[in-house]
Amino acid sequence: MKKEDAKKLILTEFPRWWGRTRGEREEATGDNAIVFCGYLQQEKPHLLNFRAVSSKEKLIHGWLLHARLVTD
């Protein structure tokens, strides 16, 4: 899968995941991004089937920050 395709799918998946797991919290944090990466590894590994120069977790965290889906 191309990295840009994975990015679109991951950014679409995060709000779904967050809606199911957020509990009382309003905003997701960087810690939640790490937990989300674990979820992807377990439940949606096909979304991580792309090449990355650095850590995929750091890359995904950056995508989520840039999309304003998490705060740091």
C-alpha atoms as a PDB file:
ATOM      1  CA  MET A   1       0.000   0.000   0.000  1.00  0.00           C
ATOM      2  CA  LYS A   2       1.227   3.493  -0.726  1.00  0.00           C
ATOM      3  CA  LYS A   3       1.966   5.647   2.295  1.00  0.00           C
ATOM      4  CA  GLU A   4      -0.523   8.329   1.232  1.00  0.00           C
ATOM      5  CA  ASP A   5      -3.294   5.740   0.869  1.00  0.00           C
ATOM      6  CA  ALA A   6      -2.490   4.355   4.314  1.00  0.00           C
ATOM      7  CA  LYS A   7      -2.491   7.880   5.749  1.00  0.00           C
ATOM      8  CA  LYS A   8      -5.997   8.580   4.440  1.00  0.00           C
ATOM      9  CA  LEU A   9      -7.333   5.297   5.808  1.00  0.00           C
ATOM     10  CA  ILE A  10      -5.628   5.738   9.186  1.00  0.00           C
ATOM     11  CA  LEU A  11      -6.914   9.301   9.563  1.00  0.00           C
ATOM     12  CA  THR A  12     -10.397   7.992   8.787  1.00  0.00           C
ATOM     13  CA  GLU A  13     -10.075   5.117  11.264  1.00  0.00           C
ATOM     14  CA  PHE A  14      -8.877   7.222  14.199  1.00  0.00           C
ATOM     15  CA  PRO A  15     -12.166   9.090  14.859  1.00  0.00           C
ATOM     16  CA  ARG A  16     -14.065   5.787  14.737  1.00  0.00           C
ATOM     17  CA  TRP A  17     -11.650   4.213  17.214  1.00  0.00           C
ATOM     18  CA  TRP A  18     -11.614   7.289  19.445  1.00  0.00           C
ATOM     19  CA  GLY A  19     -15.423   7.388  19.551  1.00  0.00           C
ATOM     20  CA  ARG A  20     -15.467   3.847  20.937  1.00  0.00           C
ATOM     21  CA  THR A  21     -12.624   4.256  23.441  1.00  0.00           C
ATOM     22  CA  ARG A  22     -12.639   7.837  24.669  1.00  0.00           C
ATOM     23  CA  GLY A  23     -14.871   7.462  27.696  1.00  0.00           C
ATOM     24  CA  GLU A  24     -15.306  10.845  29.400  1.00  0.00           C
ATOM     25  CA  ARG A  25     -12.330  12.502  27.707  1.00  0.00           C
ATOM     26  CA  GLU A  26     -12.997  15.142  25.069  1.00  0.00           C
ATOM     27  CA  GLU A  27      -9.580  15.359  23.401  1.00  0.00           C
ATOM     28  CA  ALA A  28      -7.182  12.628  22.397  1.00  0.00           C
ATOM     29  CA  THR A  29      -3.538  13.003  23.419  1.00  0.00           C
ATOM     30  CA  GLY A  30      -0.234  11.666  22.174  1.00  0.00           C
ATOM     31  CA  ASP A  31      -0.620   8.770  24.606  1.00  0.00           C
ATOM     32  CA  ASN A  32      -3.892   7.879  22.919  1.00  0.00           C
ATOM     33  CA  ALA A  33      -2.079   7.925  19.571  1.00  0.00           C
ATOM     34  CA  ILE A  34       0.314   5.268  20.902  1.00  0.00           C
ATOM     35  CA  VAL A  35      -2.596   3.113  22.060  1.00  0.00           C
ATOM     36  CA  PHE A  36      -4.211   3.619  18.643  1.00  0.00           C
ATOM     37  CA  CYS A  37      -1.048   2.315  16.961  1.00  0.00           C
ATOM     38  CA  GLY A  38      -1.304  -0.807  19.110  1.00  0.00           C
ATOM     39  CA  TYR A  39      -4.919  -1.172  18.012  1.00  0.00           C
ATOM     40  CA  LEU A  40      -3.842  -0.913  14.377  1.00  0.00           C
ATOM     41  CA  GLN A  41      -1.187  -3.590  14.889  1.00  0.00           C
ATOM     42  CA  GLN A  42      -3.715  -5.959  16.450  1.00  0.00           C
ATOM     43  CA  GLU A  43      -6.924  -5.219  14.568  1.00  0.00           C
ATOM     44  CA  LYS A  44      -5.987  -3.499  11.297  1.00  0.00           C
ATOM     45  CA  PRO A  45      -2.430  -4.575  10.401  1.00  0.00           C
ATOM     46  CA  HIS A  46      -3.139  -4.111   6.688  1.00  0.00           C
ATOM     47  CA  LEU A  47      -3.210  -0.342   7.325  1.00  0.00           C
ATOM     48  CA  LEU A  48       0.422  -0.534   8.442  1.00  0.00           C
ATOM     49  CA  ASN A  49       1.558  -2.229   5.245  1.00  0.00           C
ATOM     50  CA  PHE A  50       3.550   0.724   3.887  1.00  0.00           C
ATOM     51  CA  ARG A  51       7.179   1.753   3.839  1.00  0.00           C
ATOM     52  CA  ALA A  52       8.421   4.266   6.359  1.00  0.00           C
ATOM     53  CA  VAL A  53      11.901   5.686   6.840  1.00  0.00           C
ATOM     54  CA  SER A  54      11.383   6.128  10.580  1.00  0.00           C
ATOM     55  CA  SER A  55       9.112   4.616  13.212  1.00  0.00           C
ATOM     56  CA  LYS A  56       5.569   4.124  11.933  1.00  0.00           C
ATOM     57  CA  GLU A  57       4.266   5.060  15.373  1.00  0.00           C
ATOM     58  CA  LYS A  58       6.042   8.429  15.228  1.00  0.00           C
ATOM     59  CA  LEU A  59       4.857   8.979  11.678  1.00  0.00           C
ATOM     60  CA  ILE A  60       1.233   8.204  12.568  1.00  0.00           C
ATOM     61  CA  HIS A  61       1.481  10.427  15.658  1.00  0.00           C
ATOM     62  CA  GLY A  62       2.649  13.249  13.384  1.00  0.00           C
ATOM     63  CA  TRP A  63      -0.227  12.662  10.969  1.00  0.00           C
ATOM     64  CA  LEU A  64      -2.718  12.760  13.835  1.00  0.00           C
ATOM     65  CA  LEU A  65      -1.168  15.958  15.234  1.00  0.00           C
ATOM     66  CA  HIS A  66      -1.165  17.650  11.844  1.00  0.00           C
ATOM     67  CA  ALA A  67      -4.818  16.662  11.308  1.00  0.00           C
ATOM     68  CA  ARG A  68      -5.575  18.052  14.804  1.00  0.00           C
ATOM     69  CA  LEU A  69      -7.002  14.723  15.902  1.00  0.00           C
ATOM     70  CA  VAL A  70      -4.689  14.592  18.936  1.00  0.00           C
ATOM     71  CA  THR A  71      -2.963  17.138  21.152  1.00  0.00           C
ATOM     72  CA  ASP A  72       0.500  16.755  22.595  1.00  0.00           C
END
